[in-house]
Amino acid sequence: EEFAVLLTATDAVQAQEVIETLRECVPLEETVSAGIAQWDNAESSAELFARADAALYRAKRSGRDRTVLAAGGELTPA
């Protein structure tokens, strides 16, 4: 399944902390791949979502069970 989480007043590092908390709720046989995009104060919501979605698919293609930042590389593997 896929879902989106919108976090206000949160930077990429804080967003990763939220993802790690979510990982703790997932059964051991399941994986969590995540894409993080931090709003640049100029792009539309559709553009922000598209960047996060692209980062999610990079996480899945690079081995799953990891978090990828939209503007750059992988933050940390699970």
Protein backbone atom coordinates (compact mmCIF):
# COMPACT_ATOMS: atom_id res chain seq x y z
CA GLU A 1 0.00 0.00 0.00
CA GLU A 2 1.02 3.61 -0.48
CA PHE A 3 0.00 6.66 1.49
CA ALA A 4 1.17 10.23 1.95
CA VAL A 5 1.86 12.10 5.16
CA LEU A 6 2.00 15.89 5.20
CA LEU A 7 4.10 17.27 8.05
CA THR A 8 4.06 21.01 8.69
CA ALA A 9 6.98 22.85 10.30
CA THR A 10 9.14 19.76 9.79
CA ASP A 11 12.46 19.46 7.99
CA ALA A 12 13.77 16.35 6.21
CA VAL A 13 15.63 15.06 9.29
CA GLN A 14 12.50 15.36 11.42
CA ALA A 15 10.46 13.69 8.69
CA GLN A 16 12.89 10.77 8.71
CA GLU A 17 12.37 10.46 12.48
CA VAL A 18 8.62 10.20 11.88
CA ILE A 19 9.23 7.48 9.28
CA GLU A 20 11.41 5.55 11.72
CA THR A 21 8.59 5.71 14.26
CA LEU A 22 6.20 4.34 11.64
CA ARG A 23 8.64 1.51 10.88
CA GLU A 24 8.30 0.36 14.49
CA CYS A 25 4.58 -0.26 13.88
CA VAL A 26 5.09 -2.45 10.80
CA PRO A 27 5.26 -6.25 11.18
CA LEU A 28 8.80 -7.66 10.85
CA GLU A 29 8.14 -9.40 7.53
CA GLU A 30 7.05 -6.14 5.90
CA THR A 31 9.27 -3.36 4.55
CA VAL A 32 8.86 0.40 4.52
CA SER A 33 10.12 2.46 1.60
CA ALA A 34 9.70 6.22 1.83
CA GLY A 35 10.31 9.31 -0.23
CA ILE A 36 10.76 12.66 1.48
CA ALA A 37 10.32 16.00 -0.24
CA GLN A 38 10.67 19.27 1.63
CA TRP A 39 8.55 22.12 0.23
CA ASP A 40 10.68 24.86 -1.35
CA ASN A 41 8.11 27.62 -0.63
CA ALA A 42 7.52 28.09 -4.35
CA GLU A 43 6.33 24.84 -5.95
CA SER A 44 2.71 23.75 -6.19
CA SER A 45 1.33 20.94 -4.08
CA ALA A 46 1.27 18.74 -7.21
CA GLU A 47 4.97 19.41 -7.83
CA LEU A 48 5.84 18.65 -4.19
CA PHE A 49 3.87 15.41 -4.29
CA ALA A 50 5.51 14.41 -7.59
CA ARG A 51 9.00 14.90 -6.10
CA ALA A 52 8.09 12.83 -3.03
CA ASP A 53 6.60 10.11 -5.24
CA ALA A 54 9.73 10.03 -7.43
CA ALA A 55 11.88 9.68 -4.29
CA LEU A 56 9.65 6.83 -3.10
CA TYR A 57 10.15 4.95 -6.36
CA ARG A 58 13.93 5.54 -6.17
CA ALA A 59 13.83 3.94 -2.71
CA LYS A 60 11.94 0.95 -4.08
CA ARG A 61 14.28 0.54 -7.06
CA SER A 62 17.38 0.76 -4.89
CA GLY A 63 16.49 -2.19 -2.70
CA ARG A 64 13.38 -1.21 -0.75
CA ASP A 65 13.14 -0.71 2.99
CA ARG A 66 14.88 2.65 2.89
CA THR A 67 14.21 6.38 2.86
CA VAL A 68 15.23 8.64 -0.03
CA LEU A 69 15.31 12.42 0.02
CA ALA A 70 13.83 13.97 -3.14
CA ALA A 71 16.56 16.59 -3.56
CA GLY A 72 19.44 14.18 -3.11
CA GLY A 73 20.49 10.76 -2.05
CA GLU A 74 19.45 8.18 0.42
CA LEU A 75 19.13 9.31 4.02
CA THR A 76 19.57 5.98 5.79
CA PRO A 77 18.74 2.35 5.08
CA ALA A 78 16.41 0.62 7.51
